[in-house]
Structure formats: structure tokens, C-alpha cells
Amino acid sequence: LKSVVIIPRVSPVMKVLSTVAIAASARSLHSIYQQVVNEVVAWAKSNGDDIAIQLGWVSKDLAFTVASGEVTDRLVRRAVTTHDTWLYGSGTKPVTAVAVMRLVDAGVLKLNDTLAEHVDPFLRRDNGTTVAELFGDSVAQATVGQVVRMAGGVPDFEDSAGDPFDREVLQDGYKEWPVYSFIRYSAQQKPYCDPGQCTAYSSTGYELLGLLVAAHQHPAGTYTDLNLTTAALPDPPRMPSLQFLGERGPLTQALTTPGQAVNRMWGSGVVVQNQTASILGWTCGNMVGRAQDVAQFFWDLLGPSDSRLVSEESLAFMRNYQPMTTGWGKLAHITYGAGLMINRAAFKLDNSTDWHYAYYEGHGGETYGFSSNQGFSSKAQAAFSVVTNTDNTTYAAVAACRMMVALAETRGEQVDYGCGKVIIDDVFASFLV
């Protein structure tokens, strides 16, 4: 449900041909990226997949959004627009991490404090339990810094064979799923390790961090009182469409693009639009908005922005990347920091091409009916987000790859990342690998 995407799962055979081939010098990056998303949508259609895409880009001199594709929205067929909003799944985790680091910057807590000492009073009052009662004495010793770096040993609700909990949530998505239902399901699993002895991907850990932020924002309230926008974003109007949904009300209170669940483990063929917002898992996956505003968040966090989200010391902590050592994160070769990871916008890399365009810092997102790739590229000196309305992660990955290939071509460079060329003279070769 809140899984991340780094390396594309399927190396696609791309057979859709480019319809536009104009020299890069005569075109804007905006128009080139419009071509990119148009071609990926056309390629998906040739595969029998009816998808839509939105791409947001923010750099020192440019900020724009492009979109392509159509959706069936309440029985009406329409084109998606640059104003539509989408779900980002685990793309939420960097925001939750920022909210925690801002508490550290404010002197409210320390990274070597145990999570339990801050969460237990709130958890006891709000749900009648403690971290130790849920997960055992070992996890109760996990520090805030370990949990935000996914090194606290916290078991995950989506790491059991066949992903039964995610399937149950989607299939019964019209009722409210309190965050404690996610946490208590996870507590049935064994901890991955003693704190600090491994790194293992855990969305549940980021729900516990949400409780941490809520405990300090509303010490006499409940977790539903949390306002993640004000906790993480010092200047919310810079990203006006971003919302972080609680468990009450339908997704459509903020979501305008219907998604398509195609993951067979969750329930293929389900339209994601009118379910309750609670299916998103709260602070591990509840961000909704436009791609450009997501890109703006990563620009302010990681780029040379004039609006900083955390201190340089906190940012250095977030960017201290280490390979995951346990679970599916190890199998996927995830290199994780604190709410951030090193991502790769390439299907292949070899010594014959410049690999710097391929790597970026950020976080992928896969949730019911949506997948996305977002972050900051030091080579591009830009932040971006690419989001699609399908949980087939291939299309967002291809779009991100072609986006970077196109950027290199605008700079007079040729890179081969296994996803074809974009700006070429031969229109019949554009989408062939």
C-alpha cells in the first residue's frame, strides 16, 4: 500500500512511436515534457492500459505542470488537467520526517530520546496502550532517530505473505480504518530486530511518528487533531494544493483524479475515488495534491531554495543514507536516510553513459490506484514529481526516466537509460529500445 518505488520492476518493450521530433534548441522544457507525458500515455494505451499522468517541475528559473490522459470521472469522460489532484502514498513520508525534524530544531525533543517516552502518555490516553504493550520492550527502546531512519525494528502492516491487510482495507474501503487498526495489526508481527541492529522499511513506524507529532501539537487531543500541514510546512501557501487527509470523509474531499487499482494482491479492477480517506494509513501515506506542489516541497527541502524547511544539521541527518539490511527493502536495494532515499530514474546503466542524470534524492510512492516518483536532482538542479493514476509502477518510472533523458538532450548530451530517446530527428525511433 505505501510501498516505495526506486528501480522499475519491469523493463518495458516500448513500441509506441514519437509523433513530435523538433530540435531541442527550438523548444521549451515545458513543451518537451508535455511530449514525454503524451507519449507515455499513448504507449500505455497501446498496452491496453487507460492511464493519466501529471508532471510537476520546479527549478530556480522554471515552475510548471504538464498533464496528459483521460479519466472516467463519475461516469463522465474528461481530460485530466494541470489542476487535478492525486494520491502520493509513501511520498508522504518525507513530510512526516520534516515534521519530526522541526520538533528537533525547536528543541522539543532529541533524536536520541526514545519514541515511547514521547508517545506513551498520548497513546495510553488515546487508545489505552503503550509502545511496549504493543510491540514489546525492545521496540519500546527505539529512539526517535532510529524510527525516522527505519532502524527501530518496528514491524510493518504490509509485510506479511500475500499482503492480506492491504487487501482487506481496499475491499472494505468505504468504512473508517482508524490508524490504530494499522498499528495493532502490525503489532501481531515480530519486530524486525532490536533497535539499531537493522534497517527495514516500515510504514507503521511512520504512523508512530505521526502520533509523536500529534502528541506535541495537541497534547490534550487525539491523533485525529493532527495538522501535518502546519507541523511540517512553515509557508503552506507555497504548496497550496497539498492536503494530508485524516480518516473521516471520502477521498474526494481533496482528490479529483480517480485511480485504478490493478495490483492483484490488493484487488484488481477497483476504482479508487469514493473510499474513505482512512485507507491511506494516515501519516505514512495520506498526501494529496498537484505534482508541482509536491515538487515545490522537495525544492524547499533539498534544493537551493530561499525557503528552508529544516536546519542544515537536520537536513544532513535526513541525507545520511544507508542500505536497508532486512526485508523487502534489502531485496529492492533501498538506500534510506530519514524520510528520504536515493532513487534511480533509469532502467539500465552502464559505463558508456553519464549516470548522474539517473539518480535523485526523494521518495517513491505506491498506494491504491496511484504511483509516483518525486525528489530533487542535483544534476538537473531541479525538483520534480511524476504521478500516475494506476498502481502499476511502470508508467511513472518510464515517465521519470524519459524526463531525465530529455533534460540531458536539451543540454546537448545523450544518455541511454533503457527508456528510449525523446528529442531526435527520426520520429520512427523515438520510443524504441
Foldseek 3Di string as FASTA:
>chain_A
DLDFDFAAPDQDFFQQFQPDFDALVVDDLVVLLLSLQASLCVRCVVVVHQKKKKKWWDFPVDTDMHIFGWDQFVNDIDTDDLFFKDFFRQLLLLLLLLLVQVCVQVVVDHQQAFLQVQQVVQCCVAPNDGPCRQANPQLSNAGNLQLLQQQSQQFAQQFDPLRVVLQVCLVVQADFDALVNRSNSSSVDHRQDGGPPFHDDYLNSSLSSLSSSCCVVPVPDHSQPDASCVSFPVDCVLLVLKGFDHRDAFPQVRGDHWFFECPVSNPGGDIHGGGTLNSSSGSSIGIMGGFSSSQVVQCQDPFPDPHHRHDPVSSVQQPPWAFGDDGVSNVVRWTGGRSKTKHFLFNDDDPVFDRLLGIFMGIWTADGRKTKDWHARPVLSMTMMMMMRYNSHNSRSLSSNQSSQAVCVSVVGGGHRSQAHRHDDDSSGGGGD
